[in-house]
Amino acid sequence: MRAPKRRSVAHGRQADGTLRIAMVGTRGVPAAYGGFETAVEEIGSRLAARGHDVTVFCRRTAADQPDEHLGMRLVHLPAVRKKVLETLSHTALSVLNMAVTRRHDVAFVFNAANAPFVPVIRAKGVPTAVHVDGLEWKRAKWSGSGKRYYRWAEERSVRTADALIADAAGIADYYEQQFGVPTELLTYGAKILEQPRTDLLGSGAGVEAGAFHLVVARFEPENHVDLIVEGYLASSARHPLVVVGSAPYGAEHSERIATLAASDPRVHLLGGVWDQELLDQLYAGALTYVHGHSVGGTNPSLLRAMGAGTAVIGFDSVFNQEVVGGSGTFFATTDEVARCIERAEQDEAATAAVGAALQARAAEVYRWDDIADGYEALAMRLADGATIHGTGRFARLPIDWNPKPVVHTTPTRITETTGGLA
């Protein structure tokens, strides 16, 4: 790996030491959709509270479009509502707006798919960090051309950005192994629910606190909602399975999940739930949260369950193991899903203890204040001229990524011979 370089400073800090920061590439705020939007809201509002001038570029919707939110300046622009074009078209207009209106000292670009626009931002003298997200090219929803684009975009991010942000050690490891380039490890934060309410569970989901299992995920193959439902159906579980989610693109996978769910009244499909109070109660009221995500880094839904103090049954991946530390139970097959759920119900006190341990871990490790500190420190270094531009390999290694094992005690994997929850 080549040594980091220094970049000539075109803008730099303001006279009072603050920065004009642009946050580009998400749906924007107020957060109502996914992890990127929550991160922008939590981090951007904290940076604004510290005196920085933060501009968030938002996708135009039919809803109210305020000019300001939690101290952040908002710019609303349209997007083409079609798969990857939605992201790219909105980012293109955002970058154009940046070029012809206000000057910025630093830009945070979310999603490696937006890499083609990084040279345009840097050409205006604005140092740019790219949050690379997960291994998007592994998602089944993308065709061959889509997968090739995302792999190319990863390489473009390495070639053009001044810094790369990874939200998990596994993602940082991927970029180090494949490209020989360093990343900034900046995860997400967890909302800690200490005394959650339960009054909406009956009317909103038809369940009782502590007496249901929960899944929250988009209906995409790599999130394994169908595997979870199928495994649950094979179990002797007494408590129902509540499934929150939908498919933004494509219907075939969703139809399979709906068909499976319709075969057993124990499965409750709620669709998308946007009421954040009801979501909080679902996360906190569940006996277990069953997490099937496999290709991302640190997943916000997993952190939300941990912050709510709920035991996790997770898909066996390096990313999920990293997040839960030494607590949790993991699966890779439908049979293992069934056994995990059955064992969680057999000793609910032990299951609750796992949830408490996960909440303590979330409160210690996944703090938004600490993450905002990391973004601020990175922004300051970039404004002062730091850059990775020109370091690392410009093409990935011609071998598959071999993830490093997690360094903590590996959580329990339910098999025919192992015990219950760790």
Protein backbone atom coordinates (compact mmCIF):
# COMPACT_ATOMS: atom_id res chain seq x y z
CA MET A 1 0.00 0.00 0.00
CA ARG A 2 1.37 3.37 -1.01
CA ALA A 3 1.85 6.04 1.65
CA PRO A 4 -1.00 8.55 2.17
CA LYS A 5 -0.54 11.86 0.41
CA ARG A 6 -1.30 15.47 1.29
CA ARG A 7 -3.60 17.54 -0.85
CA SER A 8 -3.40 21.26 -1.53
CA VAL A 9 -6.12 23.00 0.48
CA ALA A 10 -8.56 25.02 -1.63
CA HIS A 11 -11.16 25.88 1.01
CA GLY A 12 -10.25 24.67 4.50
CA ARG A 13 -11.88 25.59 7.79
CA GLN A 14 -13.86 28.76 8.41
CA ALA A 15 -12.37 31.53 10.51
CA ASP A 16 -14.03 30.12 13.63
CA GLY A 17 -12.74 26.61 12.91
CA THR A 18 -16.08 25.24 11.71
CA LEU A 19 -16.78 23.63 8.35
CA ARG A 20 -19.40 23.79 5.61
CA ILE A 21 -20.30 20.12 5.19
CA ALA A 22 -22.40 18.56 2.43
CA MET A 23 -24.10 15.16 2.91
CA VAL A 24 -25.00 13.64 -0.46
CA GLY A 25 -26.45 10.41 -1.87
CA THR A 26 -29.31 9.46 0.48
CA ARG A 27 -33.06 9.99 0.51
CA GLY A 28 -32.41 12.71 3.06
CA VAL A 29 -34.04 13.77 6.30
CA PRO A 30 -36.23 13.66 8.33
CA ALA A 31 -35.24 10.00 8.45
CA ALA A 32 -38.12 7.70 7.47
CA TYR A 33 -36.62 4.91 5.40
CA GLY A 34 -33.28 3.26 6.12
CA GLY A 35 -29.92 3.21 7.82
CA PHE A 36 -28.23 5.88 5.71
CA GLU A 37 -31.02 8.35 6.40
CA THR A 38 -30.90 7.68 10.14
CA ALA A 39 -27.13 8.09 10.10
CA VAL A 40 -27.36 11.40 8.23
CA GLU A 41 -29.94 12.68 10.73
CA GLU A 42 -28.06 11.54 13.82
CA ILE A 43 -24.60 12.61 12.64
CA GLY A 44 -25.62 15.75 10.75
CA SER A 45 -27.70 17.13 13.62
CA ARG A 46 -24.81 16.63 16.03
CA LEU A 47 -22.36 18.35 13.69
CA ALA A 48 -24.79 21.22 13.26
CA ALA A 49 -25.16 21.52 17.03
CA ARG A 50 -21.37 21.88 17.22
CA GLY A 51 -21.51 24.91 14.93
CA HIS A 52 -20.83 23.35 11.53
CA ASP A 53 -22.90 24.45 8.53
CA VAL A 54 -24.44 21.14 7.38
CA THR A 55 -26.36 20.80 4.10
CA VAL A 56 -28.30 17.58 3.39
CA PHE A 57 -29.46 16.84 -0.16
CA CYS A 58 -32.91 15.19 -0.03
CA ARG A 59 -35.10 13.47 -2.60
CA ARG A 60 -38.21 15.45 -3.39
CA THR A 61 -41.46 13.85 -2.25
CA ALA A 62 -45.13 14.78 -2.05
CA ALA A 63 -44.79 15.34 1.69
CA ASP A 64 -43.86 18.60 3.36
CA GLN A 65 -40.35 19.71 2.41
CA PRO A 66 -38.89 21.88 5.18
CA ASP A 67 -35.84 24.03 4.52
CA GLU A 68 -34.29 23.07 7.86
CA HIS A 69 -34.31 20.06 10.19
CA LEU A 70 -32.52 19.78 13.52
CA GLY A 71 -30.14 22.56 12.52
CA MET A 72 -29.34 21.08 9.10
CA ARG A 73 -29.99 22.99 5.88
CA LEU A 74 -32.08 20.87 3.45
CA VAL A 75 -32.05 20.98 -0.36
CA HIS A 76 -34.86 19.01 -2.07
CA LEU A 77 -34.27 17.75 -5.60
CA PRO A 78 -36.12 15.23 -7.84
CA ALA A 79 -35.05 11.70 -8.80
CA VAL A 80 -35.95 9.13 -11.42
CA ARG A 81 -37.98 6.48 -9.55
CA LYS A 82 -36.39 3.40 -11.07
CA LYS A 83 -33.94 1.11 -9.27
CA VAL A 84 -30.34 2.34 -9.44
CA LEU A 85 -31.34 5.38 -11.53
CA GLU A 86 -33.12 6.77 -8.48
CA THR A 87 -29.86 7.09 -6.57
CA LEU A 88 -27.73 8.19 -9.50
CA SER A 89 -30.15 10.76 -10.91
CA HIS A 90 -30.64 12.44 -7.55
CA THR A 91 -26.92 12.50 -6.78
CA ALA A 92 -26.20 13.98 -10.23
CA LEU A 93 -28.62 16.85 -9.55
CA SER A 94 -27.21 17.28 -6.04
CA VAL A 95 -23.66 17.59 -7.35
CA LEU A 96 -24.80 20.05 -10.01
CA ASN A 97 -26.50 22.11 -7.32
CA MET A 98 -23.31 22.03 -5.25
CA ALA A 99 -21.31 23.23 -8.24
CA VAL A 100 -23.45 26.29 -9.00
CA THR A 101 -24.59 27.42 -5.57
CA ARG A 102 -22.86 27.36 -2.18
CA ARG A 103 -19.26 26.36 -1.55
CA HIS A 104 -18.56 23.49 0.80
CA ASP A 105 -15.40 22.60 2.68
CA VAL A 106 -16.03 18.83 2.88
CA ALA A 107 -18.48 16.40 1.30
CA PHE A 108 -19.68 13.05 2.64
CA VAL A 109 -21.02 10.90 -0.21
CA PHE A 110 -23.07 7.89 0.87
CA ASN A 111 -23.10 4.71 -1.25
CA ALA A 112 -20.23 3.62 -3.50
CA ALA A 113 -22.70 3.64 -6.42
CA ASN A 114 -22.27 7.42 -6.43
CA ALA A 115 -18.54 7.16 -7.15
CA PRO A 116 -18.80 8.62 -10.71
CA PHE A 117 -19.67 12.00 -9.19
CA VAL A 118 -16.76 12.17 -6.76
CA PRO A 119 -14.30 13.65 -9.32
CA VAL A 120 -16.83 16.41 -10.08
CA ILE A 121 -17.04 17.37 -6.41
CA ARG A 122 -13.27 17.23 -5.98
CA ALA A 123 -12.80 19.34 -9.12
CA LYS A 124 -14.48 22.17 -7.20
CA GLY A 125 -11.80 21.84 -4.52
CA VAL A 126 -14.05 19.96 -2.07
CA PRO A 127 -12.37 16.98 -0.36
CA THR A 128 -14.72 14.01 -0.44
CA ALA A 129 -15.24 10.92 1.71
CA VAL A 130 -17.29 8.02 0.33
CA HIS A 131 -19.28 5.81 2.68
CA VAL A 132 -18.94 2.57 0.71
CA ASP A 133 -21.87 0.73 2.39
CA GLY A 134 -22.00 -3.09 2.10
CA LEU A 135 -21.17 -5.51 -0.70
CA GLU A 136 -24.01 -4.31 -2.89
CA TRP A 137 -22.96 -6.37 -5.91
CA LYS A 138 -23.86 -9.51 -3.96
CA ARG A 139 -27.53 -8.59 -3.84
CA ALA A 140 -29.74 -10.85 -5.93
CA LYS A 141 -31.93 -7.96 -7.10
CA TRP A 142 -29.19 -6.72 -9.42
CA SER A 143 -28.75 -8.18 -12.89
CA GLY A 144 -25.34 -9.00 -14.33
CA SER A 145 -24.92 -5.42 -15.52
CA GLY A 146 -25.96 -4.08 -12.11
CA LYS A 147 -23.48 -6.32 -10.32
CA ARG A 148 -20.70 -5.25 -12.72
CA TYR A 149 -21.58 -1.60 -12.13
CA TYR A 150 -21.32 -1.91 -8.36
CA ARG A 151 -17.98 -3.71 -8.58
CA TRP A 152 -16.72 -0.99 -10.94
CA ALA A 153 -18.05 1.69 -8.57
CA GLU A 154 -16.04 0.19 -5.71
CA GLU A 155 -12.89 0.57 -7.80
CA ARG A 156 -13.85 4.14 -8.74
CA SER A 157 -14.32 4.99 -5.06
CA VAL A 158 -10.82 3.71 -4.31
CA ARG A 159 -9.37 5.68 -7.23
CA THR A 160 -11.11 9.01 -6.66
CA ALA A 161 -12.09 9.55 -3.00
CA ASP A 162 -10.02 11.33 -0.39
CA ALA A 163 -11.29 8.90 2.26
CA LEU A 164 -13.39 5.75 2.42
CA ILE A 165 -15.79 5.08 5.29
CA ALA A 166 -16.64 1.49 6.30
CA ASP A 167 -19.43 0.79 8.78
CA ALA A 168 -18.05 -2.61 9.87
CA ALA A 169 -14.65 -4.20 10.39
CA GLY A 170 -15.60 -6.82 7.80
CA ILE A 171 -16.08 -4.11 5.15
CA ALA A 172 -12.80 -2.46 6.13
CA ASP A 173 -11.13 -5.86 5.82
CA TYR A 174 -12.65 -6.31 2.35
CA TYR A 175 -11.18 -3.04 1.04
CA GLU A 176 -7.82 -3.75 2.65
CA GLN A 177 -7.61 -7.24 1.14
CA GLN A 178 -9.01 -6.41 -2.27
CA PHE A 179 -7.50 -2.94 -2.87
CA GLY A 180 -4.80 -2.42 -0.26
CA VAL A 181 -6.44 0.83 0.83
CA PRO A 182 -7.26 2.04 4.37
CA THR A 183 -10.76 2.97 5.46
CA GLU A 184 -12.26 4.94 8.32
CA LEU A 185 -14.22 2.52 10.54
CA LEU A 186 -17.33 4.51 11.50
CA THR A 187 -20.33 2.37 12.40
CA TYR A 188 -23.91 3.32 13.27
CA GLY A 189 -25.39 4.12 16.63
CA ALA A 190 -28.10 2.33 18.60
CA LYS A 191 -31.12 3.94 20.21
CA ILE A 192 -31.35 2.60 23.77
CA LEU A 193 -34.92 1.92 24.93
CA GLU A 194 -34.81 1.73 28.71
CA GLN A 195 -38.53 1.81 29.57
CA PRO A 196 -40.36 1.05 26.33
CA ARG A 197 -44.12 1.23 26.08
CA THR A 198 -46.27 -1.71 24.96
CA ASP A 199 -49.71 -0.13 24.50
CA LEU A 200 -49.65 -0.24 20.68
CA LEU A 201 -48.78 -3.91 20.29
CA GLY A 202 -52.30 -5.26 20.57
CA SER A 203 -53.96 -2.81 18.20
CA GLY A 204 -50.99 -2.39 15.85
CA ALA A 205 -49.81 -6.00 15.54
CA GLY A 206 -52.22 -8.20 17.45
CA VAL A 207 -49.54 -9.53 19.82
CA GLU A 208 -48.56 -9.35 23.48
CA ALA A 209 -45.24 -8.09 24.84
CA GLY A 210 -42.68 -10.85 25.30
CA ALA A 211 -44.77 -13.36 23.36
CA PHE A 212 -43.73 -13.05 19.72
CA HIS A 213 -40.71 -13.28 17.44
CA LEU A 214 -39.88 -10.39 15.10
CA VAL A 215 -38.41 -9.96 11.62
CA VAL A 216 -37.81 -6.48 10.12
CA ALA A 217 -36.34 -6.48 6.61
CA ARG A 218 -36.87 -5.61 2.99
CA PHE A 219 -38.04 -8.67 1.09
CA GLU A 220 -34.81 -9.33 -0.80
CA PRO A 221 -33.20 -12.79 -1.17
CA GLU A 222 -30.03 -11.91 0.72
CA ASN A 223 -32.13 -10.90 3.76
CA HIS A 224 -33.45 -14.48 3.99
CA VAL A 225 -36.97 -13.60 5.12
CA ASP A 226 -38.30 -16.64 3.23
CA LEU A 227 -35.78 -18.92 4.95
CA ILE A 228 -36.79 -17.51 8.34
CA VAL A 229 -40.51 -17.95 7.70
CA GLU A 230 -39.98 -21.46 6.35
CA GLY A 231 -37.88 -22.38 9.36
CA TYR A 232 -40.45 -20.93 11.73
CA LEU A 233 -43.21 -22.96 10.06
CA ALA A 234 -41.18 -26.11 10.72
CA SER A 235 -40.90 -25.26 14.42
CA SER A 236 -43.23 -26.05 17.29
CA ALA A 237 -43.19 -22.42 18.42
CA ARG A 238 -46.06 -21.24 20.61
CA HIS A 239 -45.47 -17.55 19.99
CA PRO A 240 -46.33 -15.94 16.63
CA LEU A 241 -43.82 -14.60 14.11
CA VAL A 242 -44.36 -10.94 13.21
CA VAL A 243 -42.82 -9.93 9.86
CA VAL A 244 -42.37 -6.24 9.07
CA GLY A 245 -41.22 -5.33 5.57
CA SER A 246 -41.96 -5.16 1.87
CA ALA A 247 -40.17 -5.29 -1.48
CA PRO A 248 -39.41 -1.95 -3.16
CA TYR A 249 -38.65 -3.72 -6.46
CA GLY A 250 -39.99 -6.99 -7.84
CA ALA A 251 -42.80 -9.22 -6.66
CA GLU A 252 -41.72 -12.86 -7.09
CA HIS A 253 -39.79 -13.10 -3.83
CA SER A 254 -42.53 -11.27 -1.92
CA GLU A 255 -45.15 -13.64 -3.30
CA ARG A 256 -43.15 -16.62 -2.04
CA ILE A 257 -43.02 -15.10 1.46
CA ALA A 258 -46.74 -14.30 1.38
CA THR A 259 -47.58 -17.85 0.26
CA LEU A 260 -45.52 -19.34 3.08
CA ALA A 261 -47.09 -17.00 5.64
CA ALA A 262 -50.62 -17.71 4.46
CA SER A 263 -50.19 -21.40 5.28
CA ASP A 264 -49.97 -20.81 9.05
CA PRO A 265 -51.99 -18.36 11.19
CA ARG A 266 -49.02 -18.02 13.55
CA VAL A 267 -47.29 -15.78 10.97
CA HIS A 268 -48.38 -12.12 10.94
CA LEU A 269 -47.32 -10.13 7.86
CA LEU A 270 -47.60 -6.42 8.72
CA GLY A 271 -46.08 -4.96 5.56
CA GLY A 272 -44.12 -1.73 5.91
CA VAL A 273 -44.48 -0.01 9.29
CA TRP A 274 -43.53 3.68 9.31
CA ASP A 275 -44.91 4.53 12.76
CA GLN A 276 -41.63 4.78 14.68
CA GLU A 277 -43.29 4.40 18.08
CA LEU A 278 -44.96 1.16 16.98
CA LEU A 279 -41.64 -0.05 15.58
CA ASP A 280 -39.91 0.71 18.86
CA GLN A 281 -42.56 -1.27 20.71
CA LEU A 282 -42.22 -4.19 18.30
CA TYR A 283 -38.44 -4.31 18.73
CA ALA A 284 -38.66 -4.01 22.52
CA GLY A 285 -41.67 -6.28 22.95
CA ALA A 286 -40.36 -9.25 20.97
CA LEU A 287 -38.97 -12.32 22.69
CA THR A 288 -36.41 -12.59 19.86
CA TYR A 289 -35.43 -10.58 16.83
CA VAL A 290 -34.62 -12.88 13.88
CA HIS A 291 -32.10 -11.18 11.61
CA GLY A 292 -31.47 -12.61 8.14
CA HIS A 293 -29.30 -9.91 6.53
CA SER A 294 -26.11 -11.30 5.00
CA VAL A 295 -24.31 -8.86 2.66
CA GLY A 296 -24.28 -5.56 4.50
CA GLY A 297 -21.96 -4.30 7.19
CA THR A 298 -23.32 -3.05 10.52
CA ASN A 299 -27.06 -3.29 10.03
CA PRO A 300 -29.24 -0.60 11.68
CA SER A 301 -32.15 -3.01 12.23
CA LEU A 302 -29.87 -5.31 14.21
CA LEU A 303 -28.64 -2.38 16.30
CA ARG A 304 -32.21 -1.26 16.88
CA ALA A 305 -33.10 -4.68 18.28
CA MET A 306 -30.01 -4.67 20.49
CA GLY A 307 -30.82 -1.17 21.75
CA ALA A 308 -34.30 -2.41 22.61
CA GLY A 309 -32.84 -5.21 24.73
CA THR A 310 -34.08 -8.07 22.55
CA ALA A 311 -32.26 -11.37 22.05
CA VAL A 312 -30.93 -11.87 18.52
CA ILE A 313 -31.19 -14.95 16.32
CA GLY A 314 -29.04 -13.98 13.36
CA PHE A 315 -27.89 -15.28 9.99
CA ASP A 316 -24.37 -16.67 10.34
CA SER A 317 -22.18 -13.99 8.73
CA VAL A 318 -18.97 -12.21 9.73
CA PHE A 319 -20.84 -8.88 9.84
CA ASN A 320 -23.57 -10.06 12.22
CA GLN A 321 -21.10 -11.87 14.48
CA GLU A 322 -19.03 -8.69 14.70
CA VAL A 323 -21.99 -6.60 15.82
CA VAL A 324 -23.33 -8.88 18.57
CA GLY A 325 -19.94 -9.69 20.07
CA GLY A 326 -20.13 -12.80 22.20
CA SER A 327 -23.92 -12.90 22.59
CA GLY A 328 -26.59 -14.24 20.25
CA THR A 329 -27.52 -17.40 18.38
CA PHE A 330 -26.89 -17.98 14.67
CA PHE A 331 -28.39 -20.03 11.85
CA ALA A 332 -27.75 -20.87 8.20
CA THR A 333 -30.59 -23.30 7.39
CA THR A 334 -34.32 -23.61 7.97
CA ASP A 335 -33.76 -26.44 10.44
CA GLU A 336 -31.46 -24.21 12.48
CA VAL A 337 -34.04 -21.39 12.46
CA ALA A 338 -36.60 -23.82 13.88
CA ARG A 339 -34.27 -25.02 16.63
CA CYS A 340 -33.17 -21.48 17.56
CA ILE A 341 -36.78 -20.37 18.00
CA GLU A 342 -37.76 -23.47 19.95
CA ARG A 343 -34.81 -23.14 22.33
CA ALA A 344 -35.54 -19.45 22.88
CA GLU A 345 -39.06 -20.36 24.02
CA GLN A 346 -37.87 -23.26 26.18
CA ASP A 347 -35.93 -20.90 28.50
CA GLU A 348 -37.35 -17.41 28.19
CA ALA A 349 -35.41 -16.14 31.20
CA ALA A 350 -32.11 -17.07 29.51
CA THR A 351 -33.35 -15.49 26.29
CA ALA A 352 -34.15 -12.26 28.14
CA ALA A 353 -30.66 -12.30 29.69
CA VAL A 354 -29.14 -12.43 26.20
CA GLY A 355 -31.22 -9.41 25.25
CA ALA A 356 -29.99 -7.51 28.29
CA ALA A 357 -26.37 -8.32 27.43
CA LEU A 358 -26.88 -7.11 23.87
CA GLN A 359 -28.43 -3.87 25.08
CA ALA A 360 -25.44 -3.27 27.35
CA ARG A 361 -23.12 -3.87 24.39
CA ALA A 362 -25.08 -1.46 22.21
CA ALA A 363 -24.93 1.25 24.88
CA GLU A 364 -21.16 0.83 25.22
CA VAL A 365 -20.04 0.27 21.62
CA TYR A 366 -22.63 1.85 19.32
CA ARG A 367 -22.97 5.47 20.49
CA TRP A 368 -24.06 8.19 18.07
CA ASP A 369 -22.00 10.80 19.95
CA ASP A 370 -18.83 8.76 19.40
CA ILE A 371 -19.68 8.21 15.74
CA ALA A 372 -20.29 11.94 15.23
CA ASP A 373 -16.88 12.55 16.83
CA GLY A 374 -15.35 10.29 14.19
CA TYR A 375 -17.07 12.07 11.31
CA GLU A 376 -16.04 15.46 12.67
CA ALA A 377 -12.42 14.40 13.11
CA LEU A 378 -12.35 12.99 9.57
CA ALA A 379 -13.89 16.17 8.16
CA MET A 380 -11.26 18.27 9.92
CA ARG A 381 -8.42 16.14 8.57
CA LEU A 382 -9.80 16.29 5.04
CA ALA A 383 -10.22 20.07 5.25
CA ASP A 384 -6.59 20.31 6.37
CA GLY A 385 -5.41 18.37 3.29
CA ALA A 386 -5.38 14.68 4.25
CA THR A 387 -6.19 12.25 1.44
CA ILE A 388 -5.80 8.61 0.40
CA HIS A 389 -6.10 9.66 -3.25
CA GLY A 390 -3.53 7.80 -5.30
CA THR A 391 -2.84 5.09 -2.71
CA GLY A 392 -3.77 1.43 -2.79
CA ARG A 393 -4.45 -0.74 -5.85
CA PHE A 394 -6.72 0.64 -8.54
CA ALA A 395 -8.01 -2.83 -9.44
CA ARG A 396 -9.22 -5.52 -7.06
CA LEU A 397 -7.28 -8.72 -6.54
CA PRO A 398 -8.28 -11.49 -8.97
CA ILE A 399 -9.21 -13.73 -6.03
CA ASP A 400 -12.32 -13.87 -3.85
CA TRP A 401 -12.36 -11.96 -0.59
CA ASN A 402 -11.57 -14.24 2.34
CA PRO A 403 -12.95 -12.51 5.46
CA LYS A 404 -10.90 -12.57 8.62
CA PRO A 405 -12.57 -14.40 11.50
CA VAL A 406 -14.11 -12.28 14.23
CA VAL A 407 -11.73 -11.80 17.14
CA HIS A 408 -14.23 -12.18 19.99
CA THR A 409 -15.72 -15.42 21.25
CA THR A 410 -17.91 -16.74 18.45
CA PRO A 411 -21.63 -16.76 19.39
CA THR A 412 -23.55 -20.01 19.48
CA ARG A 413 -24.49 -21.66 16.18
CA ILE A 414 -27.46 -23.96 16.66
CA THR A 415 -26.85 -27.41 15.17
CA GLU A 416 -27.94 -30.91 16.02
CA THR A 417 -25.26 -31.16 18.71
CA THR A 418 -25.00 -27.70 20.27
CA GLY A 419 -26.93 -26.15 23.10
CA GLY A 420 -29.18 -23.15 23.40
CA LEU A 421 -28.66 -19.42 23.46
CA ALA A 422 -25.17 -18.20 24.32
